[in-house]
Amino acid sequence: MNQDRRRFLLSASVLVAGAVGTARASAPGPMRALKPMLPAQSIAPTLTPTPPALVKPALFAQARAAMERHPQIINRQRMALVDFAAPSSDPRLHIVNLLDGTATSYLVAHGSGSDPDHSGWLEHFSNAPGSNASCAGAFLTADPYVGKHGASQRLIGLDPTNSNALSRAIVLHGAWYAEPAVASVRGKLGRSQGCFAVGDSVKAQVMAQLGQGSLIYAAKLVA
């Protein structure tokens, strides 16, 4: 092999080696998996941990615990609390918006069996049929219907203390004797047969706020 040919082959091998080295240096590395970005609407809303000003913290805590205990409650953004430790002349039905911590409060009557002397104060609960008394515990708002009190809403008792609510026809309905004017004149509301009776003037508003699948939690906490 002459000297010129040897120089040519040596130059070619150097060029090939350089090209291979350049290709290796510029080749992309392994692809890394990127974490997907979650759309804003997929983030669950944060529910307020504190009660509104008019709601007793202990009552609020019990209602929140009842909501977690009963999976039948599908509306997790709003609930109603009934503070039967207050007199019937006070707005003691509180519908709480758990997203922003606000509440709307209404008058609500209790059963005649819970207040036999019609003092305006609930003395005791009963789950017994025919007692005409209010019962305590967690209620699930069920289907609306039209009955003797007009538009009303059935309630399902979720606890042993109110398990007969549906068979006793313990419902949410409107009544003239639960209007603010009655409380102003008499210092107390009239009594139901154990139902949650609100004023006829606000019944539609209350039912619209709650809808179906919501919690109504009723209790009498003295402390």
N, C-alpha and C. Protein backbone atom coordinates (compact mmCIF):
# COMPACT_ATOMS: atom_id res chain seq x y z
N MET A 1 0.87 -1.19 0.00
CA MET A 1 0.00 0.00 0.00
C MET A 1 0.91 1.23 0.00
N ASN A 2 0.64 2.17 -0.96
CA ASN A 2 1.50 3.34 -1.03
C ASN A 2 1.13 4.34 0.06
N GLN A 3 1.97 5.31 0.22
CA GLN A 3 1.82 6.28 1.32
C GLN A 3 0.57 7.13 1.16
N ASP A 4 0.19 7.47 -0.06
CA ASP A 4 -1.01 8.31 -0.27
C ASP A 4 -2.28 7.57 0.14
N ARG A 5 -2.32 6.25 -0.22
CA ARG A 5 -3.52 5.46 0.12
C ARG A 5 -3.66 5.32 1.63
N ARG A 6 -2.48 5.10 2.31
CA ARG A 6 -2.48 4.96 3.76
C ARG A 6 -3.01 6.24 4.42
N ARG A 7 -2.59 7.39 3.91
CA ARG A 7 -3.06 8.66 4.46
C ARG A 7 -4.57 8.81 4.27
N PHE A 8 -5.10 8.39 3.12
CA PHE A 8 -6.53 8.50 2.82
C PHE A 8 -7.37 7.66 3.78
N LEU A 9 -6.95 6.37 4.00
CA LEU A 9 -7.71 5.49 4.90
C LEU A 9 -7.69 6.00 6.34
N LEU A 10 -6.52 6.52 6.75
CA LEU A 10 -6.42 7.05 8.11
C LEU A 10 -7.33 8.26 8.29
N SER A 11 -7.40 9.12 7.33
CA SER A 11 -8.28 10.30 7.42
C SER A 11 -9.74 9.90 7.45
N ALA A 12 -10.10 8.88 6.65
CA ALA A 12 -11.50 8.42 6.61
C ALA A 12 -11.93 7.83 7.95
N SER A 13 -11.03 7.02 8.56
CA SER A 13 -11.38 6.41 9.86
C SER A 13 -11.56 7.46 10.93
N VAL A 14 -10.76 8.52 10.89
CA VAL A 14 -10.90 9.60 11.86
C VAL A 14 -12.23 10.32 11.69
N LEU A 15 -12.65 10.55 10.47
CA LEU A 15 -13.93 11.22 10.20
C LEU A 15 -15.11 10.38 10.66
N VAL A 16 -15.05 9.05 10.39
CA VAL A 16 -16.14 8.15 10.82
C VAL A 16 -16.25 8.13 12.33
N ALA A 17 -15.11 8.01 13.02
CA ALA A 17 -15.12 8.00 14.49
C ALA A 17 -15.67 9.29 15.04
N GLY A 18 -15.33 10.40 14.44
CA GLY A 18 -15.84 11.69 14.90
C GLY A 18 -17.33 11.81 14.69
N ALA A 19 -17.82 11.30 13.57
CA ALA A 19 -19.26 11.36 13.29
C ALA A 19 -20.05 10.52 14.28
N VAL A 20 -19.52 9.31 14.57
CA VAL A 20 -20.21 8.44 15.54
C VAL A 20 -20.21 9.10 16.91
N GLY A 21 -19.09 9.67 17.32
CA GLY A 21 -19.03 10.34 18.61
C GLY A 21 -19.99 11.50 18.69
N THR A 22 -20.11 12.29 17.61
CA THR A 22 -21.05 13.42 17.59
C THR A 22 -22.48 12.93 17.68
N ALA A 23 -22.82 11.82 16.99
CA ALA A 23 -24.18 11.28 17.02
C ALA A 23 -24.54 10.81 18.41
N ARG A 24 -23.57 10.16 19.09
CA ARG A 24 -23.84 9.69 20.44
C ARG A 24 -24.03 10.86 21.40
N ALA A 25 -23.23 11.89 21.23
CA ALA A 25 -23.33 13.03 22.13
C ALA A 25 -24.63 13.78 21.97
N SER A 26 -25.18 13.80 20.74
CA SER A 26 -26.41 14.54 20.48
C SER A 26 -27.67 13.71 20.62
N ALA A 27 -27.56 12.40 20.86
CA ALA A 27 -28.75 11.55 20.99
C ALA A 27 -29.50 11.90 22.27
N PRO A 28 -30.85 11.97 22.23
CA PRO A 28 -31.63 12.32 23.43
C PRO A 28 -31.55 11.23 24.48
N GLY A 29 -31.62 11.66 25.76
CA GLY A 29 -31.62 10.70 26.85
C GLY A 29 -32.99 10.07 27.01
N PRO A 30 -33.16 9.20 27.99
CA PRO A 30 -34.46 8.55 28.21
C PRO A 30 -35.53 9.57 28.60
N MET A 31 -36.78 9.36 28.12
CA MET A 31 -37.89 10.26 28.40
C MET A 31 -38.33 10.09 29.86
N ARG A 32 -38.59 11.19 30.57
CA ARG A 32 -39.09 11.14 31.94
C ARG A 32 -40.60 11.39 31.95
N ALA A 33 -41.31 10.58 32.71
CA ALA A 33 -42.77 10.74 32.79
C ALA A 33 -43.10 12.03 33.53
N LEU A 34 -43.99 12.85 32.96
CA LEU A 34 -44.40 14.10 33.59
C LEU A 34 -45.64 13.87 34.44
N LYS A 35 -45.72 14.51 35.58
CA LYS A 35 -46.90 14.42 36.42
C LYS A 35 -48.04 15.18 35.77
N PRO A 36 -49.20 14.53 35.62
CA PRO A 36 -50.32 15.23 34.96
C PRO A 36 -50.82 16.40 35.80
N MET A 37 -51.21 17.46 35.13
CA MET A 37 -51.80 18.62 35.79
C MET A 37 -53.27 18.36 36.06
N LEU A 38 -53.70 18.52 37.30
CA LEU A 38 -55.10 18.30 37.65
C LEU A 38 -55.91 19.54 37.33
N PRO A 39 -57.05 19.37 36.64
CA PRO A 39 -57.90 20.53 36.38
C PRO A 39 -58.43 21.10 37.69
N ALA A 40 -58.64 22.40 37.73
CA ALA A 40 -59.08 23.06 38.96
C ALA A 40 -60.38 22.50 39.48
N GLN A 41 -61.30 22.12 38.58
CA GLN A 41 -62.61 21.66 39.02
C GLN A 41 -62.58 20.29 39.67
N SER A 42 -61.46 19.56 39.54
CA SER A 42 -61.39 18.23 40.14
C SER A 42 -60.99 18.29 41.61
N ILE A 43 -60.61 19.46 42.10
CA ILE A 43 -60.21 19.60 43.49
C ILE A 43 -61.46 19.71 44.37
N ALA A 44 -61.57 18.84 45.36
CA ALA A 44 -62.75 18.82 46.23
C ALA A 44 -62.82 20.11 47.03
N PRO A 45 -64.02 20.68 47.20
CA PRO A 45 -64.15 21.90 47.99
C PRO A 45 -63.81 21.66 49.45
N THR A 46 -63.26 22.64 50.08
CA THR A 46 -62.92 22.55 51.50
C THR A 46 -64.13 22.97 52.33
N LEU A 47 -64.58 22.08 53.19
CA LEU A 47 -65.74 22.36 54.02
C LEU A 47 -65.30 23.09 55.28
N THR A 48 -66.08 24.07 55.67
CA THR A 48 -65.72 24.88 56.82
C THR A 48 -65.70 24.04 58.10
N PRO A 49 -64.65 24.14 58.90
CA PRO A 49 -64.57 23.35 60.14
C PRO A 49 -65.22 24.03 61.33
N THR A 50 -65.64 25.28 61.18
CA THR A 50 -66.18 26.03 62.31
C THR A 50 -67.65 26.37 62.07
N PRO A 51 -68.45 26.41 63.14
CA PRO A 51 -69.88 26.69 62.98
C PRO A 51 -70.14 28.18 62.82
N PRO A 52 -71.28 28.53 62.21
CA PRO A 52 -71.68 29.94 62.18
C PRO A 52 -71.95 30.46 63.59
N ALA A 53 -72.08 31.77 63.72
CA ALA A 53 -72.17 32.39 65.04
C ALA A 53 -73.37 31.90 65.84
N LEU A 54 -74.51 31.65 65.20
CA LEU A 54 -75.73 31.29 65.92
C LEU A 54 -75.82 29.80 66.26
N VAL A 55 -74.88 29.01 65.78
CA VAL A 55 -74.94 27.56 65.98
C VAL A 55 -73.97 27.13 67.08
N LYS A 56 -74.46 26.36 68.03
CA LYS A 56 -73.61 25.87 69.11
C LYS A 56 -72.52 24.96 68.55
N PRO A 57 -71.27 25.16 68.95
CA PRO A 57 -70.19 24.32 68.45
C PRO A 57 -70.42 22.83 68.69
N ALA A 58 -70.96 22.46 69.85
CA ALA A 58 -71.19 21.05 70.14
C ALA A 58 -72.25 20.46 69.22
N LEU A 59 -73.29 21.23 68.93
CA LEU A 59 -74.34 20.76 68.03
C LEU A 59 -73.79 20.62 66.62
N PHE A 60 -73.00 21.58 66.21
CA PHE A 60 -72.37 21.53 64.88
C PHE A 60 -71.47 20.31 64.76
N ALA A 61 -70.69 20.03 65.80
CA ALA A 61 -69.78 18.88 65.78
C ALA A 61 -70.56 17.57 65.69
N GLN A 62 -71.65 17.47 66.43
CA GLN A 62 -72.47 16.25 66.37
C GLN A 62 -73.08 16.06 64.98
N ALA A 63 -73.53 17.15 64.38
CA ALA A 63 -74.13 17.07 63.05
C ALA A 63 -73.09 16.65 62.00
N ARG A 64 -71.89 17.22 62.09
CA ARG A 64 -70.83 16.84 61.16
C ARG A 64 -70.47 15.37 61.32
N ALA A 65 -70.44 14.89 62.57
CA ALA A 65 -70.15 13.47 62.81
C ALA A 65 -71.25 12.59 62.24
N ALA A 66 -72.50 13.03 62.36
CA ALA A 66 -73.61 12.26 61.80
C ALA A 66 -73.52 12.20 60.28
N MET A 67 -73.10 13.29 59.66
CA MET A 67 -72.95 13.31 58.21
C MET A 67 -71.90 12.30 57.76
N GLU A 68 -70.81 12.19 58.50
CA GLU A 68 -69.77 11.24 58.16
C GLU A 68 -70.21 9.80 58.45
N ARG A 69 -71.09 9.64 59.43
CA ARG A 69 -71.51 8.31 59.85
C ARG A 69 -72.54 7.70 58.89
N HIS A 70 -73.27 8.54 58.18
CA HIS A 70 -74.36 8.05 57.34
C HIS A 70 -74.08 8.32 55.87
N PRO A 71 -73.66 7.31 55.10
CA PRO A 71 -73.34 7.52 53.69
C PRO A 71 -74.57 7.82 52.83
N GLN A 72 -75.78 7.61 53.38
CA GLN A 72 -76.99 7.92 52.62
C GLN A 72 -77.12 9.42 52.34
N ILE A 73 -76.44 10.23 53.13
CA ILE A 73 -76.50 11.69 52.96
C ILE A 73 -75.59 12.06 51.81
N ILE A 74 -76.18 12.41 50.68
CA ILE A 74 -75.38 12.69 49.49
C ILE A 74 -75.08 14.17 49.32
N ASN A 75 -75.88 15.04 49.93
CA ASN A 75 -75.60 16.47 49.87
C ASN A 75 -74.63 16.81 51.00
N ARG A 76 -73.38 16.98 50.68
CA ARG A 76 -72.35 17.23 51.67
C ARG A 76 -71.96 18.70 51.75
N GLN A 77 -72.70 19.56 51.08
CA GLN A 77 -72.37 20.98 51.08
C GLN A 77 -73.32 21.81 51.92
N ARG A 78 -74.38 21.20 52.40
CA ARG A 78 -75.37 21.95 53.19
C ARG A 78 -76.05 20.99 54.15
N MET A 79 -76.38 21.46 55.34
CA MET A 79 -77.13 20.65 56.29
C MET A 79 -77.96 21.55 57.18
N ALA A 80 -78.98 20.96 57.81
CA ALA A 80 -79.85 21.69 58.71
C ALA A 80 -79.67 21.17 60.12
N LEU A 81 -79.61 22.09 61.08
CA LEU A 81 -79.49 21.74 62.48
C LEU A 81 -80.67 22.34 63.23
N VAL A 82 -81.30 21.56 64.10
CA VAL A 82 -82.42 22.04 64.90
C VAL A 82 -81.99 21.99 66.36
N ASP A 83 -81.92 23.17 66.96
CA ASP A 83 -81.48 23.31 68.35
C ASP A 83 -82.71 23.34 69.25
N PHE A 84 -83.13 22.16 69.69
CA PHE A 84 -84.33 22.07 70.51
C PHE A 84 -84.08 22.48 71.96
N ALA A 85 -82.89 22.93 72.30
CA ALA A 85 -82.66 23.51 73.62
C ALA A 85 -83.17 24.95 73.67
N ALA A 86 -83.42 25.54 72.53
CA ALA A 86 -83.95 26.91 72.46
C ALA A 86 -85.48 26.88 72.46
N PRO A 87 -86.14 27.95 72.91
CA PRO A 87 -87.61 27.99 72.88
C PRO A 87 -88.12 28.11 71.45
N SER A 88 -89.38 27.79 71.27
CA SER A 88 -89.96 27.82 69.92
C SER A 88 -90.07 29.24 69.37
N SER A 89 -89.95 30.24 70.23
CA SER A 89 -90.01 31.63 69.77
C SER A 89 -88.71 32.09 69.13
N ASP A 90 -87.64 31.28 69.25
CA ASP A 90 -86.35 31.62 68.66
C ASP A 90 -86.18 30.92 67.31
N PRO A 91 -85.50 31.56 66.36
CA PRO A 91 -85.15 30.86 65.12
C PRO A 91 -84.12 29.78 65.43
N ARG A 92 -84.54 28.54 65.51
CA ARG A 92 -83.66 27.46 65.97
C ARG A 92 -83.44 26.38 64.92
N LEU A 93 -83.97 26.58 63.72
CA LEU A 93 -83.64 25.72 62.57
C LEU A 93 -82.61 26.47 61.73
N HIS A 94 -81.38 25.95 61.72
CA HIS A 94 -80.28 26.62 61.04
C HIS A 94 -79.86 25.79 59.83
N ILE A 95 -79.97 26.35 58.64
CA ILE A 95 -79.49 25.69 57.43
C ILE A 95 -78.10 26.27 57.14
N VAL A 96 -77.10 25.42 57.26
CA VAL A 96 -75.70 25.85 57.20
C VAL A 96 -75.11 25.50 55.83
N ASN A 97 -74.51 26.48 55.20
CA ASN A 97 -73.73 26.26 53.99
C ASN A 97 -72.31 25.90 54.41
N LEU A 98 -71.92 24.66 54.18
CA LEU A 98 -70.63 24.19 54.66
C LEU A 98 -69.46 24.67 53.79
N LEU A 99 -69.75 25.29 52.67
CA LEU A 99 -68.68 25.79 51.82
C LEU A 99 -68.15 27.14 52.30
N ASP A 100 -69.08 27.99 52.77
CA ASP A 100 -68.63 29.32 53.20
C ASP A 100 -68.93 29.64 54.66
N GLY A 101 -69.58 28.69 55.38
CA GLY A 101 -69.82 28.88 56.81
C GLY A 101 -70.98 29.79 57.15
N THR A 102 -71.80 30.14 56.17
CA THR A 102 -72.96 30.99 56.44
C THR A 102 -74.17 30.13 56.82
N ALA A 103 -75.16 30.77 57.42
CA ALA A 103 -76.36 30.05 57.84
C ALA A 103 -77.59 30.93 57.68
N THR A 104 -78.71 30.28 57.40
CA THR A 104 -80.02 30.93 57.39
C THR A 104 -80.86 30.27 58.47
N SER A 105 -81.49 31.07 59.32
CA SER A 105 -82.20 30.53 60.48
C SER A 105 -83.70 30.79 60.38
N TYR A 106 -84.48 29.81 60.83
CA TYR A 106 -85.94 29.87 60.74
C TYR A 106 -86.57 29.40 62.05
N LEU A 107 -87.81 29.83 62.27
CA LEU A 107 -88.61 29.28 63.36
C LEU A 107 -89.06 27.87 62.97
N VAL A 108 -89.16 26.99 63.95
CA VAL A 108 -89.67 25.64 63.71
C VAL A 108 -90.38 25.16 64.97
N ALA A 109 -91.53 24.54 64.78
CA ALA A 109 -92.33 24.05 65.91
C ALA A 109 -91.89 22.65 66.31
N HIS A 110 -92.17 22.30 67.57
CA HIS A 110 -91.95 20.93 68.02
C HIS A 110 -93.30 20.26 68.29
N GLY A 111 -93.24 18.97 68.62
CA GLY A 111 -94.46 18.20 68.82
C GLY A 111 -95.15 18.47 70.14
N SER A 112 -96.49 18.32 70.14
CA SER A 112 -97.27 18.55 71.36
C SER A 112 -96.91 17.54 72.44
N GLY A 113 -96.52 16.32 72.03
CA GLY A 113 -96.13 15.32 73.02
C GLY A 113 -94.83 15.63 73.72
N SER A 114 -94.03 16.50 73.11
CA SER A 114 -92.78 16.92 73.73
C SER A 114 -92.96 18.13 74.65
N ASP A 115 -94.12 18.74 74.59
CA ASP A 115 -94.40 19.97 75.36
C ASP A 115 -95.87 19.94 75.79
N PRO A 116 -96.24 19.02 76.68
CA PRO A 116 -97.66 18.83 77.01
C PRO A 116 -98.32 20.05 77.65
N ASP A 117 -97.56 20.89 78.32
CA ASP A 117 -98.12 22.09 78.94
C ASP A 117 -98.09 23.30 78.02
N HIS A 118 -97.59 23.12 76.83
CA HIS A 118 -97.47 24.19 75.84
C HIS A 118 -96.75 25.41 76.44
N SER A 119 -95.57 25.13 76.96
CA SER A 119 -94.75 26.20 77.53
C SER A 119 -93.90 26.90 76.48
N GLY A 120 -93.77 26.27 75.33
CA GLY A 120 -92.89 26.79 74.30
C GLY A 120 -91.50 26.17 74.33
N TRP A 121 -91.29 25.28 75.29
CA TRP A 121 -90.00 24.59 75.43
C TRP A 121 -90.18 23.09 75.23
N LEU A 122 -89.29 22.48 74.50
CA LEU A 122 -89.32 21.02 74.34
C LEU A 122 -88.79 20.38 75.62
N GLU A 123 -89.60 19.48 76.19
CA GLU A 123 -89.21 18.84 77.44
C GLU A 123 -88.55 17.48 77.22
N HIS A 124 -89.05 16.71 76.26
CA HIS A 124 -88.48 15.39 76.03
C HIS A 124 -88.77 14.94 74.60
N PHE A 125 -88.02 13.93 74.15
CA PHE A 125 -88.21 13.33 72.83
C PHE A 125 -88.90 11.98 72.98
N SER A 126 -89.47 11.52 71.88
CA SER A 126 -90.01 10.16 71.84
C SER A 126 -90.01 9.66 70.40
N ASN A 127 -89.69 8.39 70.24
CA ASN A 127 -89.72 7.73 68.94
C ASN A 127 -90.95 6.83 68.81
N ALA A 128 -91.81 6.85 69.85
CA ALA A 128 -92.93 5.93 69.90
C ALA A 128 -94.07 6.40 69.00
N PRO A 129 -94.68 5.48 68.24
CA PRO A 129 -95.86 5.84 67.45
C PRO A 129 -96.99 6.33 68.35
N GLY A 130 -97.68 7.36 67.90
CA GLY A 130 -98.80 7.90 68.65
C GLY A 130 -98.41 8.86 69.75
N SER A 131 -97.13 9.12 69.93
CA SER A 131 -96.70 10.00 71.02
C SER A 131 -96.87 11.48 70.68
N ASN A 132 -96.98 11.82 69.42
CA ASN A 132 -97.05 13.22 68.96
C ASN A 132 -95.85 14.04 69.42
N ALA A 133 -94.75 13.34 69.72
CA ALA A 133 -93.55 14.02 70.20
C ALA A 133 -92.52 14.15 69.09
N SER A 134 -91.66 15.14 69.23
CA SER A 134 -90.51 15.26 68.35
C SER A 134 -89.50 14.17 68.69
N CYS A 135 -88.70 13.78 67.73
CA CYS A 135 -87.64 12.80 67.99
C CYS A 135 -86.30 13.39 67.56
N ALA A 136 -85.26 12.90 68.19
CA ALA A 136 -83.92 13.44 67.97
C ALA A 136 -83.12 12.55 67.04
N GLY A 137 -82.02 13.12 66.52
CA GLY A 137 -81.11 12.34 65.70
C GLY A 137 -80.96 12.89 64.30
N ALA A 138 -80.39 12.04 63.44
CA ALA A 138 -80.13 12.42 62.05
C ALA A 138 -81.28 11.97 61.16
N PHE A 139 -81.76 12.89 60.34
CA PHE A 139 -82.83 12.62 59.39
C PHE A 139 -82.30 12.85 57.97
N LEU A 140 -82.76 12.03 57.04
CA LEU A 140 -82.45 12.21 55.63
C LEU A 140 -83.67 12.78 54.92
N THR A 141 -83.50 13.89 54.22
CA THR A 141 -84.63 14.45 53.48
C THR A 141 -84.92 13.54 52.28
N ALA A 142 -86.16 13.11 52.17
CA ALA A 142 -86.56 12.19 51.10
C ALA A 142 -87.42 12.94 50.07
N ASP A 143 -88.40 12.25 49.51
CA ASP A 143 -89.15 12.81 48.39
C ASP A 143 -90.20 13.82 48.86
N PRO A 144 -90.42 14.86 48.08
CA PRO A 144 -91.50 15.81 48.38
C PRO A 144 -92.84 15.22 47.95
N TYR A 145 -93.91 15.71 48.56
CA TYR A 145 -95.25 15.25 48.20
C TYR A 145 -96.23 16.35 48.60
N VAL A 146 -97.47 16.19 48.20
CA VAL A 146 -98.51 17.15 48.57
C VAL A 146 -99.51 16.43 49.48
N GLY A 147 -99.67 16.94 50.70
CA GLY A 147 -100.57 16.33 51.66
C GLY A 147 -101.51 17.34 52.27
N LYS A 148 -101.97 17.09 53.48
CA LYS A 148 -102.95 17.97 54.12
C LYS A 148 -102.36 19.34 54.46
N HIS A 149 -101.02 19.41 54.53
CA HIS A 149 -100.36 20.69 54.78
C HIS A 149 -99.80 21.29 53.49
N GLY A 150 -100.28 20.79 52.35
CA GLY A 150 -99.75 21.26 51.08
C GLY A 150 -98.41 20.59 50.77
N ALA A 151 -97.55 21.31 50.07
CA ALA A 151 -96.24 20.75 49.73
C ALA A 151 -95.47 20.42 51.01
N SER A 152 -94.99 19.19 51.11
CA SER A 152 -94.28 18.70 52.29
C SER A 152 -93.13 17.81 51.84
N GLN A 153 -92.31 17.39 52.79
CA GLN A 153 -91.18 16.54 52.44
C GLN A 153 -91.03 15.43 53.47
N ARG A 154 -90.97 14.20 52.96
CA ARG A 154 -90.79 13.06 53.85
C ARG A 154 -89.38 13.03 54.41
N LEU A 155 -89.26 12.46 55.61
CA LEU A 155 -87.97 12.35 56.28
C LEU A 155 -87.76 10.91 56.72
N ILE A 156 -86.54 10.45 56.59
CA ILE A 156 -86.16 9.09 57.00
C ILE A 156 -85.25 9.20 58.22
N GLY A 157 -85.63 8.58 59.32
CA GLY A 157 -84.80 8.58 60.52
C GLY A 157 -83.64 7.61 60.37
N LEU A 158 -82.44 8.06 60.64
CA LEU A 158 -81.24 7.26 60.44
C LEU A 158 -80.66 6.70 61.73
N ASP A 159 -81.20 7.11 62.87
CA ASP A 159 -80.66 6.68 64.16
C ASP A 159 -81.71 5.90 64.95
N PRO A 160 -81.30 5.13 65.96
CA PRO A 160 -82.28 4.41 66.79
C PRO A 160 -83.28 5.34 67.47
N THR A 161 -82.89 6.58 67.71
CA THR A 161 -83.77 7.53 68.39
C THR A 161 -84.87 8.09 67.49
N ASN A 162 -84.77 7.87 66.18
CA ASN A 162 -85.80 8.38 65.26
C ASN A 162 -86.13 7.39 64.15
N SER A 163 -85.89 6.12 64.41
CA SER A 163 -86.06 5.09 63.39
C SER A 163 -87.51 4.94 62.90
N ASN A 164 -88.47 5.42 63.68
CA ASN A 164 -89.88 5.32 63.30
C ASN A 164 -90.40 6.58 62.59
N ALA A 165 -89.50 7.48 62.24
CA ALA A 165 -89.94 8.75 61.66
C ALA A 165 -90.79 8.56 60.41
N LEU A 166 -90.37 7.68 59.52
CA LEU A 166 -91.12 7.50 58.28
C LEU A 166 -92.48 6.88 58.54
N SER A 167 -92.55 5.86 59.37
CA SER A 167 -93.84 5.23 59.66
C SER A 167 -94.74 6.12 60.50
N ARG A 168 -94.16 7.02 61.27
CA ARG A 168 -94.95 7.98 62.06
C ARG A 168 -95.36 9.20 61.23
N ALA A 169 -94.90 9.26 60.01
CA ALA A 169 -95.17 10.41 59.13
C ALA A 169 -94.61 11.71 59.73
N ILE A 170 -93.40 11.61 60.29
CA ILE A 170 -92.69 12.80 60.75
C ILE A 170 -92.07 13.45 59.51
N VAL A 171 -92.57 14.61 59.13
CA VAL A 171 -92.17 15.24 57.88
C VAL A 171 -91.81 16.71 58.11
N LEU A 172 -91.36 17.34 57.06
CA LEU A 172 -91.16 18.79 57.04
C LEU A 172 -92.35 19.40 56.31
N HIS A 173 -93.08 20.28 56.98
CA HIS A 173 -94.24 20.90 56.34
C HIS A 173 -94.41 22.33 56.83
N GLY A 174 -95.27 23.05 56.18
CA GLY A 174 -95.58 24.42 56.58
C GLY A 174 -96.81 24.47 57.47
N ALA A 175 -96.92 25.53 58.28
CA ALA A 175 -98.07 25.68 59.18
C ALA A 175 -98.23 27.15 59.54
N TRP A 176 -99.48 27.56 59.68
CA TRP A 176 -99.75 28.95 60.07
C TRP A 176 -99.23 29.24 61.47
N TYR A 177 -99.26 28.20 62.34
CA TYR A 177 -98.88 28.42 63.74
C TYR A 177 -97.35 28.50 63.93
N ALA A 178 -96.59 28.37 62.83
CA ALA A 178 -95.14 28.50 62.93
C ALA A 178 -94.64 29.81 62.31
N GLU A 179 -95.56 30.75 62.09
CA GLU A 179 -95.19 32.05 61.53
C GLU A 179 -94.64 32.98 62.62
N PRO A 180 -93.76 33.90 62.25
CA PRO A 180 -93.22 34.86 63.24
C PRO A 180 -94.29 35.67 63.95
N ALA A 181 -95.41 35.96 63.28
CA ALA A 181 -96.47 36.74 63.91
C ALA A 181 -97.06 36.00 65.11
N VAL A 182 -97.14 34.69 65.04
CA VAL A 182 -97.67 33.90 66.16
C VAL A 182 -96.72 34.00 67.35
N ALA A 183 -95.42 33.87 67.08
CA ALA A 183 -94.44 33.98 68.17
C ALA A 183 -94.46 35.37 68.79
N SER A 184 -94.68 36.40 67.96
CA SER A 184 -94.70 37.77 68.47
C SER A 184 -95.88 38.01 69.40
N VAL A 185 -97.04 37.47 69.04
CA VAL A 185 -98.26 37.70 69.81
C VAL A 185 -98.31 36.79 71.05
N ARG A 186 -97.98 35.51 70.87
CA ARG A 186 -98.14 34.53 71.95
C ARG A 186 -96.85 34.26 72.73
N GLY A 187 -95.74 34.68 72.19
CA GLY A 187 -94.46 34.39 72.83
C GLY A 187 -93.98 32.97 72.59
N LYS A 188 -94.62 32.25 71.71
CA LYS A 188 -94.27 30.86 71.38
C LYS A 188 -95.04 30.46 70.12
N LEU A 189 -94.60 29.39 69.51
CA LEU A 189 -95.31 28.86 68.34
C LEU A 189 -96.36 27.85 68.79
N GLY A 190 -97.21 27.48 67.85
CA GLY A 190 -98.09 26.35 68.09
C GLY A 190 -97.28 25.05 68.04
N ARG A 191 -97.95 23.93 68.24
CA ARG A 191 -97.26 22.65 68.28
C ARG A 191 -97.73 21.75 67.16
N SER A 192 -96.82 20.91 66.68
CA SER A 192 -97.14 19.94 65.64
C SER A 192 -97.45 18.59 66.28
N GLN A 193 -97.57 17.57 65.44
CA GLN A 193 -97.72 16.21 65.95
C GLN A 193 -96.39 15.46 65.91
N GLY A 194 -95.33 16.22 66.04
CA GLY A 194 -93.98 15.65 66.01
C GLY A 194 -93.20 16.06 64.78
N CYS A 195 -93.87 16.71 63.82
CA CYS A 195 -93.22 17.13 62.58
C CYS A 195 -92.40 18.40 62.78
N PHE A 196 -91.50 18.63 61.84
CA PHE A 196 -90.78 19.90 61.76
C PHE A 196 -91.65 20.87 60.97
N ALA A 197 -92.41 21.68 61.68
CA ALA A 197 -93.33 22.62 61.03
C ALA A 197 -92.69 24.00 60.99
N VAL A 198 -92.54 24.53 59.79
CA VAL A 198 -92.01 25.89 59.59
C VAL A 198 -93.15 26.76 59.06
N GLY A 199 -92.96 28.06 59.04
CA GLY A 199 -94.00 28.95 58.56
C GLY A 199 -94.35 28.70 57.10
N ASP A 200 -95.62 28.83 56.78
CA ASP A 200 -96.04 28.67 55.39
C ASP A 200 -95.30 29.63 54.46
N SER A 201 -94.97 30.80 54.99
CA SER A 201 -94.33 31.82 54.16
C SER A 201 -92.90 31.47 53.77
N VAL A 202 -92.25 30.55 54.50
CA VAL A 202 -90.85 30.19 54.21
C VAL A 202 -90.69 28.73 53.82
N LYS A 203 -91.78 27.98 53.81
CA LYS A 203 -91.70 26.54 53.54
C LYS A 203 -91.02 26.24 52.22
N ALA A 204 -91.42 26.92 51.16
CA ALA A 204 -90.83 26.66 49.84
C ALA A 204 -89.34 26.95 49.84
N GLN A 205 -88.95 28.02 50.54
CA GLN A 205 -87.53 28.38 50.61
C GLN A 205 -86.73 27.33 51.35
N VAL A 206 -87.26 26.84 52.46
CA VAL A 206 -86.57 25.82 53.24
C VAL A 206 -86.42 24.53 52.44
N MET A 207 -87.49 24.11 51.78
CA MET A 207 -87.45 22.87 51.00
C MET A 207 -86.49 22.99 49.82
N ALA A 208 -86.44 24.17 49.21
CA ALA A 208 -85.53 24.38 48.09
C ALA A 208 -84.08 24.35 48.54
N GLN A 209 -83.81 24.90 49.71
CA GLN A 209 -82.44 24.90 50.23
C GLN A 209 -81.95 23.49 50.55
N LEU A 210 -82.84 22.67 51.07
CA LEU A 210 -82.44 21.33 51.48
C LEU A 210 -82.47 20.33 50.33
N GLY A 211 -83.57 20.31 49.57
CA GLY A 211 -83.69 19.32 48.52
C GLY A 211 -83.73 17.92 49.09
N GLN A 212 -83.44 16.93 48.24
CA GLN A 212 -83.40 15.54 48.67
C GLN A 212 -81.96 15.14 48.97
N GLY A 213 -81.82 14.21 49.91
CA GLY A 213 -80.50 13.68 50.24
C GLY A 213 -79.69 14.52 51.20
N SER A 214 -80.36 15.43 51.93
CA SER A 214 -79.67 16.30 52.88
C SER A 214 -79.89 15.82 54.31
N LEU A 215 -79.06 16.34 55.20
CA LEU A 215 -79.15 16.01 56.62
C LEU A 215 -79.93 17.07 57.37
N ILE A 216 -80.87 16.60 58.20
CA ILE A 216 -81.46 17.43 59.26
C ILE A 216 -81.05 16.75 60.57
N TYR A 217 -80.37 17.49 61.41
CA TYR A 217 -79.94 16.92 62.68
C TYR A 217 -80.60 17.68 63.81
N ALA A 218 -81.36 16.95 64.65
CA ALA A 218 -82.11 17.55 65.75
C ALA A 218 -81.59 17.04 67.09
N ALA A 219 -81.40 17.94 68.03
CA ALA A 219 -80.91 17.55 69.35
C ALA A 219 -81.25 18.64 70.35
N LYS A 220 -81.15 18.27 71.63
CA LYS A 220 -81.31 19.23 72.72
C LYS A 220 -80.06 19.12 73.59
N LEU A 221 -79.15 20.06 73.39
CA LEU A 221 -77.91 20.10 74.16
C LEU A 221 -78.00 21.22 75.16
N VAL A 222 -78.05 20.88 76.41
CA VAL A 222 -78.23 21.89 77.46
C VAL A 222 -76.96 22.70 77.64
N ALA A 223 -75.82 22.04 77.65
CA ALA A 223 -74.54 22.72 77.88
C ALA A 223 -74.12 23.49 76.64
